[in-house]
Amino acid sequence: MSTQRLSSSKHFGVLAIFNREFVAIGRVDRKWGRFYTNLFDSRQEGDYDDFVSFDKERVNNLYLEACQFVINITEITREEMTKM
C-alpha cells in the first residue's frame, strides 16, 4: 500500500483516483469500480438532472450493494494496514 496521500476536492476527482490507484491495478475488484461509477452517475443524475426520481427498488438495491462495497473496502484496508 502506498503511503502517498491522495485527495481531491471534487467528487469526480475521488472517483478518478479510486479507479486509477485501486481498481486499475487490481487492489479492488473491477466489479466495485463499476459499482462506484454507477453510484457516482446516480448521484449526478439525482443532483443535476431535472425531474428525476428513483424508485424504491432501485434505491434499496443501491443501498444493499453499497453496504457490501463498504464491507469489501474495509476488509481491503485492514489487509493493507497489516502489511505496513
PDB file of N, CA and C in Angstrom:
ATOM      1  N   MET A   1       0.842  -1.188   0.000  1.00  0.00           N
ATOM      2  CA  MET A   1       0.000   0.000   0.000  1.00  0.00           C
ATOM      3  C   MET A   1       0.880   1.242   0.000  1.00  0.00           C
ATOM      4  N   SER A   2       0.517   2.163  -0.782  1.00  0.00           N
ATOM      5  CA  SER A   2       1.272   3.407  -0.865  1.00  0.00           C
ATOM      6  C   SER A   2       0.998   4.270   0.360  1.00  0.00           C
ATOM      7  N   THR A   3       2.026   4.930   0.817  1.00  0.00           N
ATOM      8  CA  THR A   3       1.845   5.884   1.910  1.00  0.00           C
ATOM      9  C   THR A   3       1.575   7.275   1.363  1.00  0.00           C
ATOM     10  N   GLN A   4       1.514   7.379   0.045  1.00  0.00           N
ATOM     11  CA  GLN A   4       1.228   8.657  -0.606  1.00  0.00           C
ATOM     12  C   GLN A   4      -0.181   9.114  -0.233  1.00  0.00           C
ATOM     13  N   ARG A   5      -0.316  10.366   0.112  1.00  0.00           N
ATOM     14  CA  ARG A   5      -1.626  10.903   0.446  1.00  0.00           C
ATOM     15  C   ARG A   5      -2.339  11.274  -0.857  1.00  0.00           C
ATOM     16  N   LEU A   6      -3.537  10.759  -0.986  1.00  0.00           N
ATOM     17  CA  LEU A   6      -4.336  11.022  -2.172  1.00  0.00           C
ATOM     18  C   LEU A   6      -5.551  11.827  -1.740  1.00  0.00           C
ATOM     19  N   SER A   7      -5.848  12.890  -2.478  1.00  0.00           N
ATOM     20  CA  SER A   7      -7.018  13.685  -2.136  1.00  0.00           C
ATOM     21  C   SER A   7      -7.524  14.425  -3.366  1.00  0.00           C
ATOM     22  N   SER A   8      -8.762  14.829  -3.259  1.00  0.00           N
ATOM     23  CA  SER A   8      -9.378  15.629  -4.306  1.00  0.00           C
ATOM     24  C   SER A   8     -10.489  16.452  -3.673  1.00  0.00           C
ATOM     25  N   SER A   9     -10.673  17.633  -4.173  1.00  0.00           N
ATOM     26  CA  SER A   9     -11.747  18.480  -3.664  1.00  0.00           C
ATOM     27  C   SER A   9     -13.046  18.272  -4.440  1.00  0.00           C
ATOM     28  N   LYS A  10     -13.007  17.430  -5.456  1.00  0.00           N
ATOM     29  CA  LYS A  10     -14.184  17.177  -6.301  1.00  0.00           C
ATOM     30  C   LYS A  10     -14.563  15.705  -6.245  1.00  0.00           C
ATOM     31  N   HIS A  11     -15.871  15.433  -6.296  1.00  0.00           N
ATOM     32  CA  HIS A  11     -16.328  14.039  -6.297  1.00  0.00           C
ATOM     33  C   HIS A  11     -15.759  13.270  -7.487  1.00  0.00           C
ATOM     34  N   PHE A  12     -15.738  13.890  -8.657  1.00  0.00           N
ATOM     35  CA  PHE A  12     -15.206  13.215  -9.832  1.00  0.00           C
ATOM     36  C   PHE A  12     -13.733  12.875  -9.650  1.00  0.00           C
ATOM     37  N   GLY A  13     -13.007  13.759  -8.969  1.00  0.00           N
ATOM     38  CA  GLY A  13     -11.597  13.505  -8.700  1.00  0.00           C
ATOM     39  C   GLY A  13     -11.396  12.284  -7.811  1.00  0.00           C
ATOM     40  N   VAL A  14     -12.254  12.137  -6.819  1.00  0.00           N
ATOM     41  CA  VAL A  14     -12.185  10.963  -5.942  1.00  0.00           C
ATOM     42  C   VAL A  14     -12.446   9.699  -6.748  1.00  0.00           C
ATOM     43  N   LEU A  15     -13.441   9.750  -7.614  1.00  0.00           N
ATOM     44  CA  LEU A  15     -13.747   8.604  -8.485  1.00  0.00           C
ATOM     45  C   LEU A  15     -12.544   8.263  -9.363  1.00  0.00           C
ATOM     46  N   ALA A  16     -11.933   9.254  -9.942  1.00  0.00           N
ATOM     47  CA  ALA A  16     -10.771   9.031 -10.814  1.00  0.00           C
ATOM     48  C   ALA A  16      -9.605   8.424 -10.038  1.00  0.00           C
ATOM     49  N   ILE A  17      -9.346   8.941  -8.855  1.00  0.00           N
ATOM     50  CA  ILE A  17      -8.264   8.400  -8.020  1.00  0.00           C
ATOM     51  C   ILE A  17      -8.565   6.962  -7.641  1.00  0.00           C
ATOM     52  N   PHE A  18      -9.790   6.688  -7.226  1.00  0.00           N
ATOM     53  CA  PHE A  18     -10.178   5.330  -6.844  1.00  0.00           C
ATOM     54  C   PHE A  18      -9.940   4.361  -8.000  1.00  0.00           C
ATOM     55  N   ASN A  19     -10.409   4.732  -9.186  1.00  0.00           N
ATOM     56  CA  ASN A  19     -10.232   3.851 -10.345  1.00  0.00           C
ATOM     57  C   ASN A  19      -8.761   3.695 -10.734  1.00  0.00           C
ATOM     58  N   ARG A  20      -8.008   4.757 -10.697  1.00  0.00           N
ATOM     59  CA  ARG A  20      -6.600   4.714 -11.100  1.00  0.00           C
ATOM     60  C   ARG A  20      -5.725   3.992 -10.076  1.00  0.00           C
ATOM     61  N   GLU A  21      -5.887   4.322  -8.804  1.00  0.00           N
ATOM     62  CA  GLU A  21      -4.984   3.840  -7.769  1.00  0.00           C
ATOM     63  C   GLU A  21      -5.397   2.506  -7.143  1.00  0.00           C
ATOM     64  N   PHE A  22      -6.633   2.104  -7.342  1.00  0.00           N
ATOM     65  CA  PHE A  22      -7.103   0.892  -6.685  1.00  0.00           C
ATOM     66  C   PHE A  22      -7.679  -0.134  -7.658  1.00  0.00           C
ATOM     67  N   VAL A  23      -8.560   0.295  -8.539  1.00  0.00           N
ATOM     68  CA  VAL A  23      -9.210  -0.653  -9.448  1.00  0.00           C
ATOM     69  C   VAL A  23      -8.278  -1.054 -10.590  1.00  0.00           C
ATOM     70  N   ALA A  24      -7.685  -0.094 -11.247  1.00  0.00           N
ATOM     71  CA  ALA A  24      -6.871  -0.370 -12.437  1.00  0.00           C
ATOM     72  C   ALA A  24      -5.696  -1.300 -12.154  1.00  0.00           C
ATOM     73  N   ILE A  25      -5.161  -1.231 -10.934  1.00  0.00           N
ATOM     74  CA  ILE A  25      -4.002  -2.072 -10.624  1.00  0.00           C
ATOM     75  C   ILE A  25      -4.383  -3.344  -9.864  1.00  0.00           C
ATOM     76  N   GLY A  26      -5.680  -3.574  -9.695  1.00  0.00           N
ATOM     77  CA  GLY A  26      -6.145  -4.823  -9.116  1.00  0.00           C
ATOM     78  C   GLY A  26      -6.253  -4.873  -7.606  1.00  0.00           C
ATOM     79  N   ARG A  27      -6.081  -3.766  -6.929  1.00  0.00           N
ATOM     80  CA  ARG A  27      -6.228  -3.756  -5.467  1.00  0.00           C
ATOM     81  C   ARG A  27      -7.689  -3.869  -5.060  1.00  0.00           C
ATOM     82  N   VAL A  28      -8.573  -3.406  -5.934  1.00  0.00           N
ATOM     83  CA  VAL A  28     -10.017  -3.521  -5.736  1.00  0.00           C
ATOM     84  C   VAL A  28     -10.591  -4.160  -6.995  1.00  0.00           C
ATOM     85  N   ASP A  29     -11.478  -5.116  -6.806  1.00  0.00           N
ATOM     86  CA  ASP A  29     -12.106  -5.824  -7.925  1.00  0.00           C
ATOM     87  C   ASP A  29     -12.818  -4.842  -8.853  1.00  0.00           C
ATOM     88  N   ARG A  30     -12.743  -5.097 -10.140  1.00  0.00           N
ATOM     89  CA  ARG A  30     -13.395  -4.219 -11.137  1.00  0.00           C
ATOM     90  C   ARG A  30     -14.893  -4.086 -10.897  1.00  0.00           C
ATOM     91  N   LYS A  31     -15.504  -5.130 -10.333  1.00  0.00           N
ATOM     92  CA  LYS A  31     -16.934  -5.075 -10.001  1.00  0.00           C
ATOM     93  C   LYS A  31     -17.221  -3.853  -9.132  1.00  0.00           C
ATOM     94  N   TRP A  32     -16.339  -3.595  -8.152  1.00  0.00           N
ATOM     95  CA  TRP A  32     -16.559  -2.473  -7.248  1.00  0.00           C
ATOM     96  C   TRP A  32     -16.245  -1.152  -7.923  1.00  0.00           C
ATOM     97  N   GLY A  33     -15.346  -1.147  -8.885  1.00  0.00           N
ATOM     98  CA  GLY A  33     -15.098   0.054  -9.672  1.00  0.00           C
ATOM     99  C   GLY A  33     -16.324   0.428 -10.489  1.00  0.00           C
ATOM    100  N   ARG A  34     -16.937  -0.570 -11.097  1.00  0.00           N
ATOM    101  CA  ARG A  34     -18.160  -0.324 -11.872  1.00  0.00           C
ATOM    102  C   ARG A  34     -19.288   0.150 -10.957  1.00  0.00           C
ATOM    103  N   PHE A  35     -19.406  -0.479  -9.789  1.00  0.00           N
ATOM    104  CA  PHE A  35     -20.447  -0.075  -8.846  1.00  0.00           C
ATOM    105  C   PHE A  35     -20.259   1.382  -8.417  1.00  0.00           C
ATOM    106  N   TYR A  36     -19.038   1.735  -8.046  1.00  0.00           N
ATOM    107  CA  TYR A  36     -18.778   3.105  -7.586  1.00  0.00           C
ATOM    108  C   TYR A  36     -19.067   4.110  -8.700  1.00  0.00           C
ATOM    109  N   THR A  37     -18.704   3.774  -9.923  1.00  0.00           N
ATOM    110  CA  THR A  37     -19.006   4.644 -11.058  1.00  0.00           C
ATOM    111  C   THR A  37     -20.516   4.775 -11.235  1.00  0.00           C
ATOM    112  N   ASN A  38     -21.241   3.671 -11.128  1.00  0.00           N
ATOM    113  CA  ASN A  38     -22.700   3.698 -11.235  1.00  0.00           C
ATOM    114  C   ASN A  38     -23.310   4.543 -10.118  1.00  0.00           C
ATOM    115  N   LEU A  39     -22.797   4.400  -8.912  1.00  0.00           N
ATOM    116  CA  LEU A  39     -23.291   5.181  -7.791  1.00  0.00           C
ATOM    117  C   LEU A  39     -23.020   6.676  -8.013  1.00  0.00           C
ATOM    118  N   PHE A  40     -21.823   6.986  -8.511  1.00  0.00           N
ATOM    119  CA  PHE A  40     -21.471   8.368  -8.827  1.00  0.00           C
ATOM    120  C   PHE A  40     -22.429   8.937  -9.879  1.00  0.00           C
ATOM    121  N   ASP A  41     -22.670   8.163 -10.943  1.00  0.00           N
ATOM    122  CA  ASP A  41     -23.570   8.611 -12.004  1.00  0.00           C
ATOM    123  C   ASP A  41     -24.987   8.830 -11.474  1.00  0.00           C
ATOM    124  N   SER A  42     -25.433   7.953 -10.580  1.00  0.00           N
ATOM    125  CA  SER A  42     -26.766   8.108  -9.992  1.00  0.00           C
ATOM    126  C   SER A  42     -26.846   9.378  -9.163  1.00  0.00           C
ATOM    127  N   ARG A  43     -25.793   9.661  -8.426  1.00  0.00           N
ATOM    128  CA  ARG A  43     -25.752  10.893  -7.634  1.00  0.00           C
ATOM    129  C   ARG A  43     -25.804  12.114  -8.548  1.00  0.00           C
ATOM    130  N   GLN A  44     -25.020  12.083  -9.611  1.00  0.00           N
ATOM    131  CA  GLN A  44     -25.020  13.194 -10.569  1.00  0.00           C
ATOM    132  C   GLN A  44     -26.420  13.388 -11.141  1.00  0.00           C
ATOM    133  N   GLU A  45     -27.038  12.289 -11.523  1.00  0.00           N
ATOM    134  CA  GLU A  45     -28.379  12.338 -12.097  1.00  0.00           C
ATOM    135  C   GLU A  45     -29.360  12.958 -11.094  1.00  0.00           C
ATOM    136  N   GLY A  46     -29.325  12.483  -9.863  1.00  0.00           N
ATOM    137  CA  GLY A  46     -30.241  12.988  -8.842  1.00  0.00           C
ATOM    138  C   GLY A  46     -30.017  14.444  -8.497  1.00  0.00           C
ATOM    139  N   ASP A  47     -28.757  14.860  -8.504  1.00  0.00           N
ATOM    140  CA  ASP A  47     -28.442  16.238  -8.123  1.00  0.00           C
ATOM    141  C   ASP A  47     -28.635  17.243  -9.248  1.00  0.00           C
ATOM    142  N   TYR A  48     -28.382  16.833 -10.471  1.00  0.00           N
ATOM    143  CA  TYR A  48     -28.286  17.823 -11.548  1.00  0.00           C
ATOM    144  C   TYR A  48     -29.295  17.684 -12.683  1.00  0.00           C
ATOM    145  N   ASP A  49     -29.929  16.533 -12.832  1.00  0.00           N
ATOM    146  CA  ASP A  49     -30.924  16.390 -13.895  1.00  0.00           C
ATOM    147  C   ASP A  49     -32.285  16.867 -13.393  1.00  0.00           C
ATOM    148  N   ASP A  50     -33.094  17.340 -14.317  1.00  0.00           N
ATOM    149  CA  ASP A  50     -34.429  17.812 -13.967  1.00  0.00           C
ATOM    150  C   ASP A  50     -35.419  16.648 -13.883  1.00  0.00           C
ATOM    151  N   PHE A  51     -36.322  16.751 -12.939  1.00  0.00           N
ATOM    152  CA  PHE A  51     -37.449  15.832 -12.800  1.00  0.00           C
ATOM    153  C   PHE A  51     -37.015  14.371 -12.682  1.00  0.00           C
ATOM    154  N   VAL A  52     -36.024  14.122 -11.875  1.00  0.00           N
ATOM    155  CA  VAL A  52     -35.522  12.766 -11.668  1.00  0.00           C
ATOM    156  C   VAL A  52     -36.131  12.199 -10.398  1.00  0.00           C
ATOM    157  N   SER A  53     -36.535  10.960 -10.483  1.00  0.00           N
ATOM    158  CA  SER A  53     -36.968  10.265  -9.267  1.00  0.00           C
ATOM    159  C   SER A  53     -36.413   8.845  -9.326  1.00  0.00           C
ATOM    160  N   PHE A  54     -36.140   8.311  -8.160  1.00  0.00           N
ATOM    161  CA  PHE A  54     -35.613   6.962  -8.054  1.00  0.00           C
ATOM    162  C   PHE A  54     -36.665   6.107  -7.365  1.00  0.00           C
ATOM    163  N   ASP A  55     -36.988   4.979  -7.978  1.00  0.00           N
ATOM    164  CA  ASP A  55     -37.986   4.124  -7.345  1.00  0.00           C
ATOM    165  C   ASP A  55     -37.378   3.380  -6.157  1.00  0.00           C
ATOM    166  N   LYS A  56     -38.250   2.914  -5.307  1.00  0.00           N
ATOM    167  CA  LYS A  56     -37.829   2.269  -4.059  1.00  0.00           C
ATOM    168  C   LYS A  56     -36.931   1.061  -4.319  1.00  0.00           C
ATOM    169  N   GLU A  57     -37.245   0.276  -5.336  1.00  0.00           N
ATOM    170  CA  GLU A  57     -36.441  -0.909  -5.643  1.00  0.00           C
ATOM    171  C   GLU A  57     -35.008  -0.529  -6.026  1.00  0.00           C
ATOM    172  N   ARG A  58     -34.860   0.494  -6.852  1.00  0.00           N
ATOM    173  CA  ARG A  58     -33.523   0.936  -7.255  1.00  0.00           C
ATOM    174  C   ARG A  58     -32.716   1.416  -6.051  1.00  0.00           C
ATOM    175  N   VAL A  59     -33.352   2.215  -5.204  1.00  0.00           N
ATOM    176  CA  VAL A  59     -32.674   2.734  -4.018  1.00  0.00           C
ATOM    177  C   VAL A  59     -32.288   1.596  -3.084  1.00  0.00           C
ATOM    178  N   ASN A  60     -33.194   0.663  -2.854  1.00  0.00           N
ATOM    179  CA  ASN A  60     -32.883  -0.483  -1.988  1.00  0.00           C
ATOM    180  C   ASN A  60     -31.723  -1.296  -2.537  1.00  0.00           C
ATOM    181  N   ASN A  61     -31.716  -1.528  -3.842  1.00  0.00           N
ATOM    182  CA  ASN A  61     -30.619  -2.289  -4.458  1.00  0.00           C
ATOM    183  C   ASN A  61     -29.288  -1.559  -4.323  1.00  0.00           C
ATOM    184  N   LEU A  62     -29.297  -0.260  -4.558  1.00  0.00           N
ATOM    185  CA  LEU A  62     -28.074   0.523  -4.397  1.00  0.00           C
ATOM    186  C   LEU A  62     -27.599   0.504  -2.946  1.00  0.00           C
ATOM    187  N   TYR A  63     -28.546   0.603  -2.028  1.00  0.00           N
ATOM    188  CA  TYR A  63     -28.190   0.581  -0.607  1.00  0.00           C
ATOM    189  C   TYR A  63     -27.537  -0.745  -0.213  1.00  0.00           C
ATOM    190  N   LEU A  64     -28.145  -1.850  -0.608  1.00  0.00           N
ATOM    191  CA  LEU A  64     -27.596  -3.163  -0.261  1.00  0.00           C
ATOM    192  C   LEU A  64     -26.210  -3.364  -0.863  1.00  0.00           C
ATOM    193  N   GLU A  65     -26.059  -2.950  -2.102  1.00  0.00           N
ATOM    194  CA  GLU A  65     -24.751  -3.089  -2.738  1.00  0.00           C
ATOM    195  C   GLU A  65     -23.724  -2.144  -2.102  1.00  0.00           C
ATOM    196  N   ALA A  66     -24.166  -0.953  -1.700  1.00  0.00           N
ATOM    197  CA  ALA A  66     -23.262  -0.017  -1.019  1.00  0.00           C
ATOM    198  C   ALA A  66     -22.778  -0.600   0.305  1.00  0.00           C
ATOM    199  N   CYS A  67     -23.645  -1.299   1.010  1.00  0.00           N
ATOM    200  CA  CYS A  67     -23.232  -1.956   2.261  1.00  0.00           C
ATOM    201  C   CYS A  67     -22.146  -2.986   1.975  1.00  0.00           C
ATOM    202  N   GLN A  68     -22.292  -3.771   0.922  1.00  0.00           N
ATOM    203  CA  GLN A  68     -21.276  -4.751   0.548  1.00  0.00           C
ATOM    204  C   GLN A  68     -19.982  -4.056   0.117  1.00  0.00           C
ATOM    205  N   PHE A  69     -20.112  -2.947  -0.585  1.00  0.00           N
ATOM    206  CA  PHE A  69     -18.955  -2.167  -1.008  1.00  0.00           C
ATOM    207  C   PHE A  69     -18.155  -1.711   0.206  1.00  0.00           C
ATOM    208  N   VAL A  70     -18.842  -1.170   1.206  1.00  0.00           N
ATOM    209  CA  VAL A  70     -18.166  -0.691   2.412  1.00  0.00           C
ATOM    210  C   VAL A  70     -17.480  -1.853   3.133  1.00  0.00           C
ATOM    211  N   ILE A  71     -18.143  -2.983   3.242  1.00  0.00           N
ATOM    212  CA  ILE A  71     -17.543  -4.164   3.877  1.00  0.00           C
ATOM    213  C   ILE A  71     -16.284  -4.572   3.121  1.00  0.00           C
ATOM    214  N   ASN A  72     -16.373  -4.625   1.807  1.00  0.00           N
ATOM    215  CA  ASN A  72     -15.229  -5.031   0.988  1.00  0.00           C
ATOM    216  C   ASN A  72     -14.066  -4.066   1.131  1.00  0.00           C
ATOM    217  N   ILE A  73     -14.322  -2.780   1.048  1.00  0.00           N
ATOM    218  CA  ILE A  73     -13.263  -1.782   1.166  1.00  0.00           C
ATOM    219  C   ILE A  73     -12.656  -1.812   2.565  1.00  0.00           C
ATOM    220  N   THR A  74     -13.471  -2.037   3.575  1.00  0.00           N
ATOM    221  CA  THR A  74     -12.959  -2.148   4.952  1.00  0.00           C
ATOM    222  C   THR A  74     -12.007  -3.331   5.072  1.00  0.00           C
ATOM    223  N   GLU A  75     -12.376  -4.474   4.485  1.00  0.00           N
ATOM    224  CA  GLU A  75     -11.509  -5.653   4.525  1.00  0.00           C
ATOM    225  C   GLU A  75     -10.187  -5.389   3.804  1.00  0.00           C
ATOM    226  N   ILE A  76     -10.256  -4.773   2.648  1.00  0.00           N
ATOM    227  CA  ILE A  76      -9.044  -4.454   1.892  1.00  0.00           C
ATOM    228  C   ILE A  76      -8.151  -3.513   2.694  1.00  0.00           C
ATOM    229  N   THR A  77      -8.760  -2.519   3.306  1.00  0.00           N
ATOM    230  CA  THR A  77      -8.000  -1.555   4.105  1.00  0.00           C
ATOM    231  C   THR A  77      -7.314  -2.245   5.275  1.00  0.00           C
ATOM    232  N   ARG A  78      -8.035  -3.107   5.954  1.00  0.00           N
ATOM    233  CA  ARG A  78      -7.426  -3.852   7.089  1.00  0.00           C
ATOM    234  C   ARG A  78      -6.259  -4.697   6.624  1.00  0.00           C
ATOM    235  N   GLU A  79      -6.419  -5.400   5.506  1.00  0.00           N
ATOM    236  CA  GLU A  79      -5.334  -6.228   4.966  1.00  0.00           C
ATOM    237  C   GLU A  79      -4.118  -5.373   4.644  1.00  0.00           C
ATOM    238  N   GLU A  80      -4.353  -4.241   4.009  1.00  0.00           N
ATOM    239  CA  GLU A  80      -3.248  -3.358   3.627  1.00  0.00           C
ATOM    240  C   GLU A  80      -2.545  -2.781   4.860  1.00  0.00           C
ATOM    241  N   MET A  81      -3.327  -2.463   5.883  1.00  0.00           N
ATOM    242  CA  MET A  81      -2.742  -1.881   7.098  1.00  0.00           C
ATOM    243  C   MET A  81      -1.868  -2.899   7.827  1.00  0.00           C
ATOM    244  N   THR A  82      -2.192  -4.169   7.755  1.00  0.00           N
ATOM    245  CA  THR A  82      -1.368  -5.174   8.413  1.00  0.00           C
ATOM    246  C   THR A  82      -0.045  -5.374   7.691  1.00  0.00           C
ATOM    247  N   LYS A  83       0.047  -4.991   6.435  1.00  0.00           N
ATOM    248  CA  LYS A  83       1.281  -5.103   5.664  1.00  0.00           C
ATOM    249  C   LYS A  83       2.264  -3.982   5.983  1.00  0.00           C
ATOM    250  N   MET A  84       1.787  -2.929   6.580  1.00  0.00           N
ATOM    251  CA  MET A  84       2.632  -1.754   6.842  1.00  0.00           C
ATOM    252  C   MET A  84       3.535  -1.996   8.033  1.00  0.00           C
TER     253      MET A  84
END
